[in-house]
PDB file of N, CA and C in Angstrom:
ATOM      1  N   MET A   1     -40.323 155.508 -54.203  1.00  0.00           N
ATOM      2  CA  MET A   1     -39.256 156.396 -54.766  1.00  0.00           C
ATOM      3  C   MET A   1     -39.661 156.570 -56.290  1.00  0.00           C
ATOM      4  N   THR A   2     -39.583 157.857 -56.694  1.00  0.00           N
ATOM      5  CA  THR A   2     -39.924 158.165 -58.050  1.00  0.00           C
ATOM      6  C   THR A   2     -38.724 158.616 -58.906  1.00  0.00           C
ATOM      7  N   GLY A   3     -37.609 158.788 -58.313  1.00  0.00           N
ATOM      8  CA  GLY A   3     -36.376 159.144 -59.036  1.00  0.00           C
ATOM      9  C   GLY A   3     -35.331 159.809 -58.235  1.00  0.00           C
ATOM     10  N   THR A   4     -34.221 160.264 -58.863  1.00  0.00           N
ATOM     11  CA  THR A   4     -33.164 160.915 -58.236  1.00  0.00           C
ATOM     12  C   THR A   4     -32.918 162.232 -58.927  1.00  0.00           C
ATOM     13  N   LYS A   5     -32.233 163.142 -58.329  1.00  0.00           N
ATOM     14  CA  LYS A   5     -31.880 164.467 -58.951  1.00  0.00           C
ATOM     15  C   LYS A   5     -30.801 164.177 -59.982  1.00  0.00           C
ATOM     16  N   ASN A   6     -29.777 163.482 -59.643  1.00  0.00           N
ATOM     17  CA  ASN A   6     -28.609 163.291 -60.526  1.00  0.00           C
ATOM     18  C   ASN A   6     -28.613 161.901 -61.116  1.00  0.00           C
ATOM     19  N   PRO A   7     -28.688 161.769 -62.383  1.00  0.00           N
ATOM     20  CA  PRO A   7     -28.770 160.411 -63.035  1.00  0.00           C
ATOM     21  C   PRO A   7     -27.538 159.648 -62.899  1.00  0.00           C
ATOM     22  N   ASN A   8     -26.353 160.298 -62.625  1.00  0.00           N
ATOM     23  CA  ASN A   8     -25.087 159.542 -62.549  1.00  0.00           C
ATOM     24  C   ASN A   8     -24.687 159.071 -61.196  1.00  0.00           C
ATOM     25  N   SER A   9     -25.266 159.622 -60.167  1.00  0.00           N
ATOM     26  CA  SER A   9     -24.954 159.218 -58.822  1.00  0.00           C
ATOM     27  C   SER A   9     -26.136 159.602 -57.913  1.00  0.00           C
ATOM     28  N   VAL A  10     -26.174 159.027 -56.727  1.00  0.00           N
ATOM     29  CA  VAL A  10     -27.322 159.315 -55.788  1.00  0.00           C
ATOM     30  C   VAL A  10     -26.915 160.409 -54.810  1.00  0.00           C
ATOM     31  N   THR A  11     -27.683 161.494 -54.860  1.00  0.00           N
ATOM     32  CA  THR A  11     -27.527 162.643 -53.869  1.00  0.00           C
ATOM     33  C   THR A  11     -28.781 162.792 -53.100  1.00  0.00           C
ATOM     34  N   GLY A  12     -29.902 162.276 -53.583  1.00  0.00           N
ATOM     35  CA  GLY A  12     -31.171 162.345 -52.962  1.00  0.00           C
ATOM     36  C   GLY A  12     -32.142 161.587 -53.767  1.00  0.00           C
ATOM     37  N   ILE A  13     -33.374 161.339 -53.114  1.00  0.00           N
ATOM     38  CA  ILE A  13     -34.402 160.656 -53.876  1.00  0.00           C
ATOM     39  C   ILE A  13     -35.730 161.416 -53.765  1.00  0.00           C
ATOM     40  N   ASN A  14     -36.493 161.346 -54.810  1.00  0.00           N
ATOM     41  CA  ASN A  14     -37.807 161.886 -54.848  1.00  0.00           C
ATOM     42  C   ASN A  14     -38.762 160.775 -54.409  1.00  0.00           C
ATOM     43  N   ILE A  15     -39.656 161.135 -53.524  1.00  0.00           N
ATOM     44  CA  ILE A  15     -40.580 160.106 -52.980  1.00  0.00           C
ATOM     45  C   ILE A  15     -42.037 160.571 -53.107  1.00  0.00           C
ATOM     46  N   ARG A  16     -42.892 159.531 -53.123  1.00  0.00           N
ATOM     47  CA  ARG A  16     -44.363 159.854 -53.227  1.00  0.00           C
ATOM     48  C   ARG A  16     -45.087 158.887 -52.376  1.00  0.00           C
ATOM     49  N   ASN A  17     -45.945 159.388 -51.501  1.00  0.00           N
ATOM     50  CA  ASN A  17     -46.775 158.600 -50.667  1.00  0.00           C
ATOM     51  C   ASN A  17     -47.907 158.000 -51.555  1.00  0.00           C
ATOM     52  N   THR A  18     -47.958 156.681 -51.698  1.00  0.00           N
ATOM     53  CA  THR A  18     -48.872 156.053 -52.625  1.00  0.00           C
ATOM     54  C   THR A  18     -50.338 156.138 -52.137  1.00  0.00           C
ATOM     55  N   LYS A  19     -50.514 156.480 -50.892  1.00  0.00           N
ATOM     56  CA  LYS A  19     -51.935 156.597 -50.360  1.00  0.00           C
ATOM     57  C   LYS A  19     -52.411 158.061 -50.547  1.00  0.00           C
ATOM     58  N   SER A  20     -51.543 159.022 -50.191  1.00  0.00           N
ATOM     59  CA  SER A  20     -51.989 160.403 -50.222  1.00  0.00           C
ATOM     60  C   SER A  20     -51.569 161.183 -51.444  1.00  0.00           C
ATOM     61  N   ASN A  21     -50.625 160.568 -52.241  1.00  0.00           N
ATOM     62  CA  ASN A  21     -50.044 161.143 -53.455  1.00  0.00           C
ATOM     63  C   ASN A  21     -49.073 162.347 -53.101  1.00  0.00           C
ATOM     64  N   LYS A  22     -48.858 162.642 -51.829  1.00  0.00           N
ATOM     65  CA  LYS A  22     -47.961 163.710 -51.437  1.00  0.00           C
ATOM     66  C   LYS A  22     -46.535 163.343 -51.788  1.00  0.00           C
ATOM     67  N   THR A  23     -45.787 164.354 -52.349  1.00  0.00           N
ATOM     68  CA  THR A  23     -44.447 164.078 -52.790  1.00  0.00           C
ATOM     69  C   THR A  23     -43.449 164.880 -51.953  1.00  0.00           C
ATOM     70  N   GLY A  24     -42.212 164.463 -51.980  1.00  0.00           N
ATOM     71  CA  GLY A  24     -41.178 165.165 -51.215  1.00  0.00           C
ATOM     72  C   GLY A  24     -39.783 164.678 -51.740  1.00  0.00           C
ATOM     73  N   HIS A  25     -38.727 165.232 -51.125  1.00  0.00           N
ATOM     74  CA  HIS A  25     -37.337 164.926 -51.489  1.00  0.00           C
ATOM     75  C   HIS A  25     -36.612 164.552 -50.245  1.00  0.00           C
ATOM     76  N   PHE A  26     -35.770 163.583 -50.334  1.00  0.00           N
ATOM     77  CA  PHE A  26     -34.965 163.146 -49.182  1.00  0.00           C
ATOM     78  C   PHE A  26     -33.546 163.075 -49.648  1.00  0.00           C
ATOM     79  N   GLU A  27     -32.640 163.852 -48.938  1.00  0.00           N
ATOM     80  CA  GLU A  27     -31.227 163.830 -49.259  1.00  0.00           C
ATOM     81  C   GLU A  27     -30.584 162.530 -48.717  1.00  0.00           C
ATOM     82  N   THR A  28     -29.854 161.870 -49.609  1.00  0.00           N
ATOM     83  CA  THR A  28     -29.099 160.690 -49.166  1.00  0.00           C
ATOM     84  C   THR A  28     -28.022 160.395 -50.219  1.00  0.00           C
ATOM     85  N   ASP A  29     -27.051 159.636 -49.837  1.00  0.00           N
ATOM     86  CA  ASP A  29     -25.972 159.272 -50.761  1.00  0.00           C
ATOM     87  C   ASP A  29     -25.990 157.767 -51.076  1.00  0.00           C
ATOM     88  N   GLY A  30     -27.048 157.057 -50.727  1.00  0.00           N
ATOM     89  CA  GLY A  30     -27.200 155.674 -51.083  1.00  0.00           C
ATOM     90  C   GLY A  30     -28.606 155.221 -51.063  1.00  0.00           C
ATOM     91  N   VAL A  31     -28.881 154.210 -51.850  1.00  0.00           N
ATOM     92  CA  VAL A  31     -30.195 153.621 -51.885  1.00  0.00           C
ATOM     93  C   VAL A  31     -30.122 152.092 -51.937  1.00  0.00           C
ATOM     94  N   PHE A  32     -30.921 151.451 -51.119  1.00  0.00           N
ATOM     95  CA  PHE A  32     -30.956 150.008 -51.125  1.00  0.00           C
ATOM     96  C   PHE A  32     -32.388 149.619 -51.644  1.00  0.00           C
ATOM     97  N   ILE A  33     -32.422 148.968 -52.796  1.00  0.00           N
ATOM     98  CA  ILE A  33     -33.701 148.581 -53.406  1.00  0.00           C
ATOM     99  C   ILE A  33     -34.098 147.155 -52.982  1.00  0.00           C
ATOM    100  N   ALA A  34     -35.275 147.020 -52.403  1.00  0.00           N
ATOM    101  CA  ALA A  34     -35.825 145.724 -52.094  1.00  0.00           C
ATOM    102  C   ALA A  34     -36.892 145.327 -53.144  1.00  0.00           C
ATOM    103  N   ILE A  35     -36.607 144.207 -53.810  1.00  0.00           N
ATOM    104  CA  ILE A  35     -37.572 143.812 -54.878  1.00  0.00           C
ATOM    105  C   ILE A  35     -38.884 143.295 -54.302  1.00  0.00           C
ATOM    106  N   GLY A  36     -38.841 142.735 -53.114  1.00  0.00           N
ATOM    107  CA  GLY A  36     -39.945 142.212 -52.436  1.00  0.00           C
ATOM    108  C   GLY A  36     -39.543 141.360 -51.287  1.00  0.00           C
ATOM    109  N   HIS A  37     -40.523 141.040 -50.452  1.00  0.00           N
ATOM    110  CA  HIS A  37     -40.233 140.297 -49.209  1.00  0.00           C
ATOM    111  C   HIS A  37     -40.760 138.885 -49.218  1.00  0.00           C
ATOM    112  N   LYS A  38     -41.398 138.449 -50.358  1.00  0.00           N
ATOM    113  CA  LYS A  38     -41.936 137.143 -50.442  1.00  0.00           C
ATOM    114  C   LYS A  38     -40.942 136.264 -51.141  1.00  0.00           C
ATOM    115  N   PRO A  39     -40.443 135.206 -50.477  1.00  0.00           N
ATOM    116  CA  PRO A  39     -39.520 134.343 -51.158  1.00  0.00           C
ATOM    117  C   PRO A  39     -40.171 133.497 -52.214  1.00  0.00           C
ATOM    118  N   ALA A  40     -39.458 133.200 -53.263  1.00  0.00           N
ATOM    119  CA  ALA A  40     -39.924 132.381 -54.411  1.00  0.00           C
ATOM    120  C   ALA A  40     -39.645 130.924 -54.098  1.00  0.00           C
ATOM    121  N   THR A  41     -40.515 130.328 -53.183  1.00  0.00           N
ATOM    122  CA  THR A  41     -40.324 128.969 -52.799  1.00  0.00           C
ATOM    123  C   THR A  41     -41.332 127.959 -53.351  1.00  0.00           C
ATOM    124  N   GLU A  42     -42.251 128.494 -54.178  1.00  0.00           N
ATOM    125  CA  GLU A  42     -43.385 127.608 -54.627  1.00  0.00           C
ATOM    126  C   GLU A  42     -42.855 126.404 -55.332  1.00  0.00           C
ATOM    127  N   LEU A  43     -41.771 126.504 -56.120  1.00  0.00           N
ATOM    128  CA  LEU A  43     -41.143 125.419 -56.844  1.00  0.00           C
ATOM    129  C   LEU A  43     -40.832 124.260 -55.938  1.00  0.00           C
ATOM    130  N   PHE A  44     -40.542 124.484 -54.681  1.00  0.00           N
ATOM    131  CA  PHE A  44     -40.028 123.467 -53.745  1.00  0.00           C
ATOM    132  C   PHE A  44     -41.033 122.956 -52.717  1.00  0.00           C
ATOM    133  N   THR A  45     -42.193 123.481 -52.625  1.00  0.00           N
ATOM    134  CA  THR A  45     -43.124 123.134 -51.597  1.00  0.00           C
ATOM    135  C   THR A  45     -43.651 121.717 -51.676  1.00  0.00           C
ATOM    136  N   LYS A  46     -43.604 121.110 -52.814  1.00  0.00           N
ATOM    137  CA  LYS A  46     -44.063 119.730 -52.901  1.00  0.00           C
ATOM    138  C   LYS A  46     -43.011 118.724 -52.391  1.00  0.00           C
ATOM    139  N   ASP A  47     -41.770 119.146 -52.363  1.00  0.00           N
ATOM    140  CA  ASP A  47     -40.692 118.220 -52.021  1.00  0.00           C
ATOM    141  C   ASP A  47     -40.091 118.548 -50.677  1.00  0.00           C
ATOM    142  N   LEU A  48     -39.970 119.838 -50.286  1.00  0.00           N
ATOM    143  CA  LEU A  48     -39.343 120.217 -49.063  1.00  0.00           C
ATOM    144  C   LEU A  48     -40.339 120.707 -48.028  1.00  0.00           C
ATOM    145  N   GLU A  49     -40.052 120.496 -46.725  1.00  0.00           N
ATOM    146  CA  GLU A  49     -40.916 121.054 -45.737  1.00  0.00           C
ATOM    147  C   GLU A  49     -40.824 122.525 -45.645  1.00  0.00           C
ATOM    148  N   THR A  50     -42.004 123.193 -45.672  1.00  0.00           N
ATOM    149  CA  THR A  50     -42.020 124.607 -45.563  1.00  0.00           C
ATOM    150  C   THR A  50     -43.029 125.024 -44.506  1.00  0.00           C
ATOM    151  N   LYS A  51     -42.959 126.318 -44.095  1.00  0.00           N
ATOM    152  CA  LYS A  51     -43.905 126.934 -43.148  1.00  0.00           C
ATOM    153  C   LYS A  51     -43.982 128.374 -43.503  1.00  0.00           C
ATOM    154  N   ASN A  52     -45.205 128.842 -43.759  1.00  0.00           N
ATOM    155  CA  ASN A  52     -45.513 130.212 -44.116  1.00  0.00           C
ATOM    156  C   ASN A  52     -44.736 130.661 -45.428  1.00  0.00           C
ATOM    157  N   GLY A  53     -44.464 129.708 -46.258  1.00  0.00           N
ATOM    158  CA  GLY A  53     -43.722 129.988 -47.536  1.00  0.00           C
ATOM    159  C   GLY A  53     -42.213 130.009 -47.410  1.00  0.00           C
ATOM    160  N   TYR A  54     -41.722 129.588 -46.262  1.00  0.00           N
ATOM    161  CA  TYR A  54     -40.258 129.574 -46.086  1.00  0.00           C
ATOM    162  C   TYR A  54     -39.860 128.094 -45.931  1.00  0.00           C
ATOM    163  N   ILE A  55     -38.684 127.738 -46.467  1.00  0.00           N
ATOM    164  CA  ILE A  55     -38.128 126.400 -46.379  1.00  0.00           C
ATOM    165  C   ILE A  55     -37.600 126.170 -44.982  1.00  0.00           C
ATOM    166  N   LEU A  56     -38.068 125.062 -44.380  1.00  0.00           N
ATOM    167  CA  LEU A  56     -37.572 124.781 -43.026  1.00  0.00           C
ATOM    168  C   LEU A  56     -36.221 124.070 -43.087  1.00  0.00           C
ATOM    169  N   THR A  57     -35.332 124.492 -42.181  1.00  0.00           N
ATOM    170  CA  THR A  57     -33.990 123.898 -42.069  1.00  0.00           C
ATOM    171  C   THR A  57     -33.827 123.411 -40.652  1.00  0.00           C
ATOM    172  N   THR A  58     -32.879 122.523 -40.476  1.00  0.00           N
ATOM    173  CA  THR A  58     -32.483 122.051 -39.219  1.00  0.00           C
ATOM    174  C   THR A  58     -31.928 123.200 -38.387  1.00  0.00           C
ATOM    175  N   PRO A  59     -32.295 123.473 -37.150  1.00  0.00           N
ATOM    176  CA  PRO A  59     -31.729 124.639 -36.380  1.00  0.00           C
ATOM    177  C   PRO A  59     -30.223 124.612 -36.374  1.00  0.00           C
ATOM    178  N   GLY A  60     -29.631 125.724 -36.681  1.00  0.00           N
ATOM    179  CA  GLY A  60     -28.150 125.881 -36.637  1.00  0.00           C
ATOM    180  C   GLY A  60     -27.482 125.409 -37.908  1.00  0.00           C
ATOM    181  N   SER A  61     -28.214 124.996 -38.884  1.00  0.00           N
ATOM    182  CA  SER A  61     -27.648 124.532 -40.183  1.00  0.00           C
ATOM    183  C   SER A  61     -28.512 124.940 -41.303  1.00  0.00           C
ATOM    184  N   THR A  62     -28.063 124.485 -42.496  1.00  0.00           N
ATOM    185  CA  THR A  62     -28.890 124.804 -43.682  1.00  0.00           C
ATOM    186  C   THR A  62     -29.494 123.557 -44.265  1.00  0.00           C
ATOM    187  N   LYS A  63     -29.472 122.470 -43.539  1.00  0.00           N
ATOM    188  CA  LYS A  63     -30.037 121.176 -43.956  1.00  0.00           C
ATOM    189  C   LYS A  63     -31.523 121.327 -44.057  1.00  0.00           C
ATOM    190  N   THR A  64     -32.098 120.737 -45.129  1.00  0.00           N
ATOM    191  CA  THR A  64     -33.563 120.693 -45.299  1.00  0.00           C
ATOM    192  C   THR A  64     -34.078 119.317 -44.996  1.00  0.00           C
ATOM    193  N   SER A  65     -35.310 119.075 -45.289  1.00  0.00           N
ATOM    194  CA  SER A  65     -35.950 117.795 -45.000  1.00  0.00           C
ATOM    195  C   SER A  65     -35.494 116.735 -45.977  1.00  0.00           C
ATOM    196  N   ILE A  66     -34.659 117.060 -47.015  1.00  0.00           N
ATOM    197  CA  ILE A  66     -34.149 116.063 -47.946  1.00  0.00           C
ATOM    198  C   ILE A  66     -32.615 115.999 -47.775  1.00  0.00           C
ATOM    199  N   SER A  67     -32.026 114.927 -47.525  1.00  0.00           N
ATOM    200  CA  SER A  67     -30.645 114.705 -47.395  1.00  0.00           C
ATOM    201  C   SER A  67     -29.903 115.254 -48.593  1.00  0.00           C
ATOM    202  N   GLY A  68     -28.839 116.111 -48.363  1.00  0.00           N
ATOM    203  CA  GLY A  68     -28.113 116.615 -49.475  1.00  0.00           C
ATOM    204  C   GLY A  68     -28.601 117.891 -50.157  1.00  0.00           C
ATOM    205  N   VAL A  69     -29.815 118.315 -49.623  1.00  0.00           N
ATOM    206  CA  VAL A  69     -30.383 119.598 -50.169  1.00  0.00           C
ATOM    207  C   VAL A  69     -30.283 120.684 -49.089  1.00  0.00           C
ATOM    208  N   PHE A  70     -29.699 121.744 -49.327  1.00  0.00           N
ATOM    209  CA  PHE A  70     -29.440 122.899 -48.410  1.00  0.00           C
ATOM    210  C   PHE A  70     -30.147 124.087 -48.815  1.00  0.00           C
ATOM    211  N   ALA A  71     -30.565 124.897 -47.937  1.00  0.00           N
ATOM    212  CA  ALA A  71     -31.308 126.130 -48.241  1.00  0.00           C
ATOM    213  C   ALA A  71     -30.767 127.244 -47.396  1.00  0.00           C
ATOM    214  N   ALA A  72     -30.708 128.480 -47.891  1.00  0.00           N
ATOM    215  CA  ALA A  72     -30.213 129.629 -47.199  1.00  0.00           C
ATOM    216  C   ALA A  72     -30.780 130.907 -47.650  1.00  0.00           C
ATOM    217  N   GLY A  73     -30.570 131.987 -46.883  1.00  0.00           N
ATOM    218  CA  GLY A  73     -30.994 133.304 -47.257  1.00  0.00           C
ATOM    219  C   GLY A  73     -32.508 133.506 -47.147  1.00  0.00           C
ATOM    220  N   ASP A  74     -32.989 134.330 -48.083  1.00  0.00           N
ATOM    221  CA  ASP A  74     -34.414 134.784 -47.970  1.00  0.00           C
ATOM    222  C   ASP A  74     -35.429 133.638 -48.014  1.00  0.00           C
ATOM    223  N   VAL A  75     -35.102 132.516 -48.597  1.00  0.00           N
ATOM    224  CA  VAL A  75     -36.019 131.402 -48.700  1.00  0.00           C
ATOM    225  C   VAL A  75     -36.208 130.648 -47.293  1.00  0.00           C
ATOM    226  N   THR A  76     -35.336 130.968 -46.390  1.00  0.00           N
ATOM    227  CA  THR A  76     -35.399 130.314 -45.067  1.00  0.00           C
ATOM    228  C   THR A  76     -35.511 131.365 -43.920  1.00  0.00           C
ATOM    229  N   ASP A  77     -35.303 132.547 -44.173  1.00  0.00           N
ATOM    230  CA  ASP A  77     -35.200 133.585 -43.095  1.00  0.00           C
ATOM    231  C   ASP A  77     -36.447 134.460 -43.010  1.00  0.00           C
ATOM    232  N   GLU A  78     -37.402 134.038 -42.233  1.00  0.00           N
ATOM    233  CA  GLU A  78     -38.626 134.787 -42.066  1.00  0.00           C
ATOM    234  C   GLU A  78     -38.431 136.039 -41.104  1.00  0.00           C
ATOM    235  N   LYS A  79     -37.399 136.039 -40.355  1.00  0.00           N
ATOM    236  CA  LYS A  79     -37.197 137.077 -39.323  1.00  0.00           C
ATOM    237  C   LYS A  79     -36.388 138.268 -39.828  1.00  0.00           C
ATOM    238  N   TYR A  80     -35.175 138.068 -40.274  1.00  0.00           N
ATOM    239  CA  TYR A  80     -34.281 139.169 -40.618  1.00  0.00           C
ATOM    240  C   TYR A  80     -34.316 139.671 -42.044  1.00  0.00           C
ATOM    241  N   ARG A  81     -34.391 138.738 -43.024  1.00  0.00           N
ATOM    242  CA  ARG A  81     -34.523 139.078 -44.378  1.00  0.00           C
ATOM    243  C   ARG A  81     -33.599 140.188 -44.880  1.00  0.00           C
ATOM    244  N   GLN A  82     -32.363 140.116 -44.586  1.00  0.00           N
ATOM    245  CA  GLN A  82     -31.338 141.106 -44.973  1.00  0.00           C
ATOM    246  C   GLN A  82     -30.241 140.444 -45.879  1.00  0.00           C
ATOM    247  N   ALA A  83     -29.682 141.279 -46.731  1.00  0.00           N
ATOM    248  CA  ALA A  83     -28.642 140.791 -47.611  1.00  0.00           C
ATOM    249  C   ALA A  83     -27.475 140.185 -46.811  1.00  0.00           C
ATOM    250  N   VAL A  84     -27.070 140.867 -45.761  1.00  0.00           N
ATOM    251  CA  VAL A  84     -25.939 140.447 -44.951  1.00  0.00           C
ATOM    252  C   VAL A  84     -26.124 139.128 -44.303  1.00  0.00           C
ATOM    253  N   THR A  85     -27.366 138.834 -43.798  1.00  0.00           N
ATOM    254  CA  THR A  85     -27.645 137.539 -43.233  1.00  0.00           C
ATOM    255  C   THR A  85     -27.729 136.491 -44.339  1.00  0.00           C
ATOM    256  N   ALA A  86     -28.328 136.853 -45.438  1.00  0.00           N
ATOM    257  CA  ALA A  86     -28.373 135.902 -46.591  1.00  0.00           C
ATOM    258  C   ALA A  86     -26.960 135.514 -47.035  1.00  0.00           C
ATOM    259  N   ALA A  87     -26.061 136.468 -47.099  1.00  0.00           N
ATOM    260  CA  ALA A  87     -24.681 136.129 -47.508  1.00  0.00           C
ATOM    261  C   ALA A  87     -24.038 135.183 -46.573  1.00  0.00           C
ATOM    262  N   GLY A  88     -24.251 135.442 -45.232  1.00  0.00           N
ATOM    263  CA  GLY A  88     -23.645 134.544 -44.185  1.00  0.00           C
ATOM    264  C   GLY A  88     -24.271 133.172 -44.321  1.00  0.00           C
ATOM    265  N   MET A  89     -25.539 133.114 -44.505  1.00  0.00           N
ATOM    266  CA  MET A  89     -26.290 131.778 -44.651  1.00  0.00           C
ATOM    267  C   MET A  89     -25.801 131.073 -45.842  1.00  0.00           C
ATOM    268  N   GLY A  90     -25.493 131.827 -46.971  1.00  0.00           N
ATOM    269  CA  GLY A  90     -25.049 131.190 -48.175  1.00  0.00           C
ATOM    270  C   GLY A  90     -23.678 130.551 -47.922  1.00  0.00           C
ATOM    271  N   CYS A  91     -22.777 131.135 -47.162  1.00  0.00           N
ATOM    272  CA  CYS A  91     -21.537 130.587 -46.763  1.00  0.00           C
ATOM    273  C   CYS A  91     -21.785 129.338 -45.945  1.00  0.00           C
ATOM    274  N   MET A  92     -22.693 129.372 -45.037  1.00  0.00           N
ATOM    275  CA  MET A  92     -23.065 128.218 -44.219  1.00  0.00           C
ATOM    276  C   MET A  92     -23.495 127.021 -45.112  1.00  0.00           C
ATOM    277  N   ALA A  93     -24.411 127.365 -46.124  1.00  0.00           N
ATOM    278  CA  ALA A  93     -24.857 126.292 -47.010  1.00  0.00           C
ATOM    279  C   ALA A  93     -23.724 125.687 -47.829  1.00  0.00           C
ATOM    280  N   ALA A  94     -22.811 126.546 -48.327  1.00  0.00           N
ATOM    281  CA  ALA A  94     -21.683 126.016 -49.024  1.00  0.00           C
ATOM    282  C   ALA A  94     -20.819 125.051 -48.180  1.00  0.00           C
ATOM    283  N   LEU A  95     -20.546 125.458 -46.933  1.00  0.00           N
ATOM    284  CA  LEU A  95     -19.827 124.581 -46.030  1.00  0.00           C
ATOM    285  C   LEU A  95     -20.544 123.294 -45.660  1.00  0.00           C
ATOM    286  N   ASP A  96     -21.850 123.415 -45.448  1.00  0.00           N
ATOM    287  CA  ASP A  96     -22.653 122.233 -45.197  1.00  0.00           C
ATOM    288  C   ASP A  96     -22.692 121.298 -46.401  1.00  0.00           C
ATOM    289  N   ALA A  97     -22.732 121.837 -47.587  1.00  0.00           N
ATOM    290  CA  ALA A  97     -22.763 121.002 -48.794  1.00  0.00           C
ATOM    291  C   ALA A  97     -21.387 120.371 -48.968  1.00  0.00           C
ATOM    292  N   GLU A  98     -20.337 121.127 -48.764  1.00  0.00           N
ATOM    293  CA  GLU A  98     -18.996 120.584 -48.855  1.00  0.00           C
ATOM    294  C   GLU A  98     -18.759 119.447 -47.834  1.00  0.00           C
ATOM    295  N   ASN A  99     -19.160 119.661 -46.677  1.00  0.00           N
ATOM    296  CA  ASN A  99     -19.112 118.582 -45.648  1.00  0.00           C
ATOM    297  C   ASN A  99     -19.902 117.314 -46.033  1.00  0.00           C
ATOM    298  N   PHE A 100     -21.105 117.625 -46.509  1.00  0.00           N
ATOM    299  CA  PHE A 100     -21.963 116.452 -46.931  1.00  0.00           C
ATOM    300  C   PHE A 100     -21.252 115.699 -48.074  1.00  0.00           C
ATOM    301  N   LEU A 101     -20.696 116.353 -49.025  1.00  0.00           N
ATOM    302  CA  LEU A 101     -20.043 115.633 -50.159  1.00  0.00           C
ATOM    303  C   LEU A 101     -18.747 114.969 -49.713  1.00  0.00           C
ATOM    304  N   ALA A 102     -18.016 115.586 -48.761  1.00  0.00           N
ATOM    305  CA  ALA A 102     -16.772 115.006 -48.275  1.00  0.00           C
ATOM    306  C   ALA A 102     -17.059 113.704 -47.539  1.00  0.00           C
ATOM    307  N   ASN A 103     -18.176 113.590 -46.899  1.00  0.00           N
ATOM    308  CA  ASN A 103     -18.512 112.404 -46.133  1.00  0.00           C
ATOM    309  C   ASN A 103     -19.394 111.388 -46.920  1.00  0.00           C
ATOM    310  N   LYS A 104     -19.648 111.661 -48.145  1.00  0.00           N
ATOM    311  CA  LYS A 104     -20.466 110.817 -49.003  1.00  0.00           C
ATOM    312  C   LYS A 104     -19.543 109.794 -49.713  1.00  0.00           C
ATOM    313  N   ASN A 105     -20.006 108.594 -49.914  1.00  0.00           N
ATOM    314  CA  ASN A 105     -19.287 107.582 -50.656  1.00  0.00           C
ATOM    315  C   ASN A 105     -19.180 108.063 -52.135  1.00  0.00           C
ATOM    316  N   THR A 106     -18.052 108.294 -52.631  1.00  0.00           N
ATOM    317  CA  THR A 106     -17.947 108.782 -54.015  1.00  0.00           C
ATOM    318  C   THR A 106     -17.583 107.713 -55.000  1.00  0.00           C
ATOM    319  N   ASN A 107     -17.657 106.482 -54.658  1.00  0.00           N
ATOM    320  CA  ASN A 107     -17.431 105.305 -55.532  1.00  0.00           C
ATOM    321  C   ASN A 107     -16.044 105.494 -56.205  1.00  0.00           C
ATOM    322  N   GLY A 108     -15.067 105.865 -55.505  1.00  0.00           N
ATOM    323  CA  GLY A 108     -13.703 106.006 -55.994  1.00  0.00           C
ATOM    324  C   GLY A 108     -13.469 107.261 -56.819  1.00  0.00           C
ATOM    325  N   LEU A 109     -14.421 108.081 -56.910  1.00  0.00           N
ATOM    326  CA  LEU A 109     -14.284 109.373 -57.773  1.00  0.00           C
ATOM    327  C   LEU A 109     -13.655 110.454 -57.011  1.00  0.00           C
ATOM    328  N   GLY A 110     -13.452 110.415 -55.742  1.00  0.00           N
ATOM    329  CA  GLY A 110     -12.968 111.590 -55.010  1.00  0.00           C
ATOM    330  C   GLY A 110     -12.149 111.184 -53.931  1.00  0.00           C
TER     331      GLY A 110
END
């Protein structure tokens, strides 16, 4: 994508084939920008179990190989990699973390 016709709203996009340099225009009223498909998990690979650059979780949950550490979204999802699935997984991680903390001995603090 090289730009839009209208700077205040999207009515279409100008596109360019990076191999052939051929340009064109595509009428649309919305654009979804993907920054990239490689999750930034390098920081965690020494501590958490990973596979192909994705953090492994227990099937059906967001639990990782370390108790109390949860992962969700693009760092765990090699198949779908969509914002809507990442949002749902984020909710799962929040609930898993809440459950973990509720069942943890809080030493009288909670």
